[in-house]
Protein backbone atom coordinates (compact mmCIF):
# COMPACT_ATOMS: atom_id res chain seq x y z
CA MET A 1 -57.98 39.51 -24.41
CA ALA A 2 -57.09 40.12 -21.02
CA THR A 3 -59.64 42.78 -20.49
CA SER A 4 -62.64 40.68 -22.09
CA GLY A 5 -62.84 38.40 -19.08
CA GLY A 6 -62.56 35.43 -21.48
CA LEU A 7 -59.41 34.25 -19.61
CA GLU A 8 -60.88 34.12 -16.26
CA PHE A 9 -62.79 31.01 -16.49
CA PRO A 10 -61.58 27.92 -14.53
CA ASN A 11 -61.96 25.37 -17.25
CA GLY A 12 -60.68 27.01 -20.53
CA VAL A 13 -61.59 29.79 -22.87
CA PRO A 14 -65.20 30.08 -23.96
CA THR A 15 -65.81 30.57 -27.69
CA SER A 16 -67.52 33.54 -27.20
CA LEU A 17 -68.97 35.63 -24.22
CA VAL A 18 -72.45 35.47 -25.65
CA ASP A 19 -74.84 33.04 -23.95
CA SER A 20 -77.03 32.14 -27.06
CA GLY A 21 -77.72 28.64 -26.30
CA GLN A 22 -75.78 27.64 -29.35
CA GLN A 23 -72.93 25.43 -29.32
CA TRP A 24 -70.49 27.90 -30.68
CA ASP A 25 -71.25 30.36 -27.69
CA TYR A 26 -70.61 30.74 -24.15
CA PRO A 27 -70.16 28.59 -21.97
CA ASN A 28 -68.75 26.16 -24.58
CA ALA A 29 -64.91 25.57 -25.21
CA TRP A 30 -63.75 23.68 -28.07
CA PRO A 31 -60.42 21.89 -28.01
CA PRO A 32 -59.05 23.37 -31.39
CA LEU A 33 -59.65 26.83 -30.35
CA GLN A 34 -58.06 26.10 -26.91
CA HIS A 35 -55.12 24.89 -28.74
CA ILE A 36 -54.84 28.11 -30.97
CA VAL A 37 -54.90 30.20 -28.01
CA ILE A 38 -52.36 28.33 -26.02
CA GLN A 39 -49.95 28.06 -28.98
CA GLY A 40 -50.35 31.62 -29.89
CA LEU A 41 -49.45 32.79 -26.34
CA SER A 42 -46.52 30.22 -25.94
CA SER A 43 -45.09 31.57 -29.23
CA LEU A 44 -44.87 35.11 -28.06
CA PRO A 45 -41.71 36.67 -26.92
CA SER A 46 -43.12 37.66 -23.55
CA GLN A 47 -42.74 35.49 -20.62
CA GLU A 48 -45.89 36.60 -19.13
CA ALA A 49 -47.66 35.21 -22.39
CA LYS A 50 -45.66 32.06 -22.25
CA GLU A 51 -46.96 31.60 -18.52
CA LEU A 52 -50.50 32.30 -19.52
CA GLY A 53 -50.38 29.81 -22.38
CA PHE A 54 -49.08 27.27 -19.77
CA ASP A 55 -51.75 28.38 -17.22
CA LEU A 56 -54.48 27.69 -19.82
CA ALA A 57 -53.07 24.40 -20.80
CA GLN A 58 -52.77 23.36 -17.15
CA ARG A 59 -56.66 24.29 -16.98
CA TRP A 60 -57.55 22.37 -20.05
CA ILE A 61 -55.71 19.25 -19.27
CA ARG A 62 -57.36 19.37 -15.85
CA THR A 63 -60.79 19.84 -17.39
CA ASN A 64 -60.29 16.80 -19.66
CA TRP A 65 -58.95 14.51 -16.72
CA LEU A 66 -62.08 15.68 -14.61
CA ALA A 67 -64.28 14.67 -17.40
CA TYR A 68 -62.70 11.22 -17.93
CA VAL A 69 -62.61 10.68 -14.19
CA LYS A 70 -66.51 11.56 -13.74
CA TYR A 71 -67.99 10.33 -17.02
CA GLU A 72 -65.39 7.81 -18.19
CA ALA A 73 -65.42 9.68 -21.55
CA MET A 74 -63.82 12.49 -23.49
CA PHE A 75 -66.14 15.00 -25.22
CA GLU A 76 -66.04 17.15 -28.38
CA LYS A 77 -66.39 20.23 -26.09
CA TYR A 78 -66.60 21.27 -22.51
CA ASN A 79 -68.42 23.90 -20.30
CA VAL A 80 -65.94 26.60 -19.04
CA ASN A 81 -67.72 26.66 -15.64
CA GLY A 82 -68.08 23.04 -14.90
CA ASP A 83 -65.12 20.90 -13.77
CA GLY A 84 -65.16 18.36 -16.50
CA LYS A 85 -68.69 18.86 -17.50
CA PRO A 86 -69.40 18.37 -21.18
CA GLY A 87 -70.50 21.42 -23.26
CA GLY A 88 -73.99 21.67 -24.65
CA GLY A 89 -76.34 23.50 -26.80
CA GLY A 90 -76.64 23.46 -30.63
CA GLU A 91 -78.67 20.93 -32.89
CA TYR A 92 -77.31 17.54 -31.23
CA GLU A 93 -76.09 15.79 -28.07
CA VAL A 94 -72.34 16.37 -27.19
CA GLN A 95 -70.29 13.85 -29.00
CA LEU A 96 -67.95 11.18 -26.98
CA GLY A 97 -64.40 10.37 -27.73
CA PHE A 98 -63.79 13.20 -30.08
CA GLY A 99 -60.52 12.96 -32.17
CA TRP A 100 -59.52 16.57 -31.85
CA THR A 101 -60.13 16.52 -28.06
CA ASN A 102 -57.78 13.51 -27.77
CA GLY A 103 -55.30 15.16 -29.97
CA VAL A 104 -55.19 18.53 -28.34
CA ALA A 105 -54.84 16.96 -25.16
CA LEU A 106 -52.12 14.58 -26.23
CA GLN A 107 -50.16 17.53 -27.77
CA LEU A 108 -50.47 19.65 -24.51
CA LEU A 109 -49.15 16.67 -22.56
CA SER A 110 -46.21 16.33 -25.02
CA GLN A 111 -45.56 20.22 -24.74
CA TYR A 112 -46.14 20.72 -20.90
CA GLY A 113 -46.19 17.35 -19.41
CA ASP A 114 -43.10 17.97 -17.33
CA ARG A 115 -44.69 20.91 -15.67
CA LEU A 116 -48.42 19.92 -15.35
CA THR A 117 -49.79 18.85 -12.01
CA SER A 118 -53.07 17.50 -10.74
CA GLY A 119 -54.28 20.81 -9.27
CA GLY A 120 -53.10 20.87 -5.54
CA SER A 121 -50.04 23.11 -4.76
CA GLY A 122 -46.79 21.31 -4.35
CA ASN A 123 -48.14 17.77 -4.45
CA GLY A 124 -45.70 16.37 -6.73
CA PHE A 125 -48.08 14.46 -8.99
CA THR A 126 -46.70 15.77 -12.28
CA PRO A 127 -45.64 12.42 -13.84
CA CYS A 128 -48.96 10.64 -12.58
CA LEU A 129 -51.08 13.23 -14.09
CA SER A 130 -49.45 13.10 -17.37
CA ILE A 131 -49.32 9.29 -17.56
CA SER A 132 -53.03 9.11 -16.23
CA VAL A 133 -54.37 11.36 -18.91
CA SER A 134 -52.42 9.81 -21.65
CA VAL A 135 -53.67 6.34 -20.58
CA ALA A 136 -57.26 7.86 -20.22
CA LEU A 137 -56.90 9.14 -23.90
CA LEU A 138 -55.67 5.83 -25.22
CA CYS A 139 -58.64 4.04 -23.57
CA SER A 140 -61.09 6.46 -24.88
CA ALA A 141 -59.72 6.02 -28.50
CA GLN A 142 -59.80 2.28 -28.08
CA THR A 143 -63.44 2.17 -27.28
CA LEU A 144 -64.17 3.93 -30.56
CA PHE A 145 -62.67 0.95 -32.39
CA LEU A 146 -64.26 -2.02 -30.58
């Protein structure tokens, strides 16, 4: 994985490195696949792998947060190059408020919430980011049922 370049994107791991214009290819990142990669890395005995898993979780949560701040929505997929920018391509417009996006974000907040930061170095906003993203997810979910 490390030599492919797929781990170097600021906002998640792309589904593929092929830029076909289709929704399952670059530059799209899908929440369930982020979760699989992060959980796989975090379950390895290597401390380096665990730290990479955390780093990917940090990037993914930041992407979700930036999307919510900018668009007031959570999306089914994100662009790995655009801070919070929704993904694209495929046969339909990107979907809003998607369950797996919210579920993956909540699970990562549960797993890593005590370590996540808002992106700046040493700013001490860890609890604020976790609480803010959780509230954003709940607000996003609430709008689906109104």
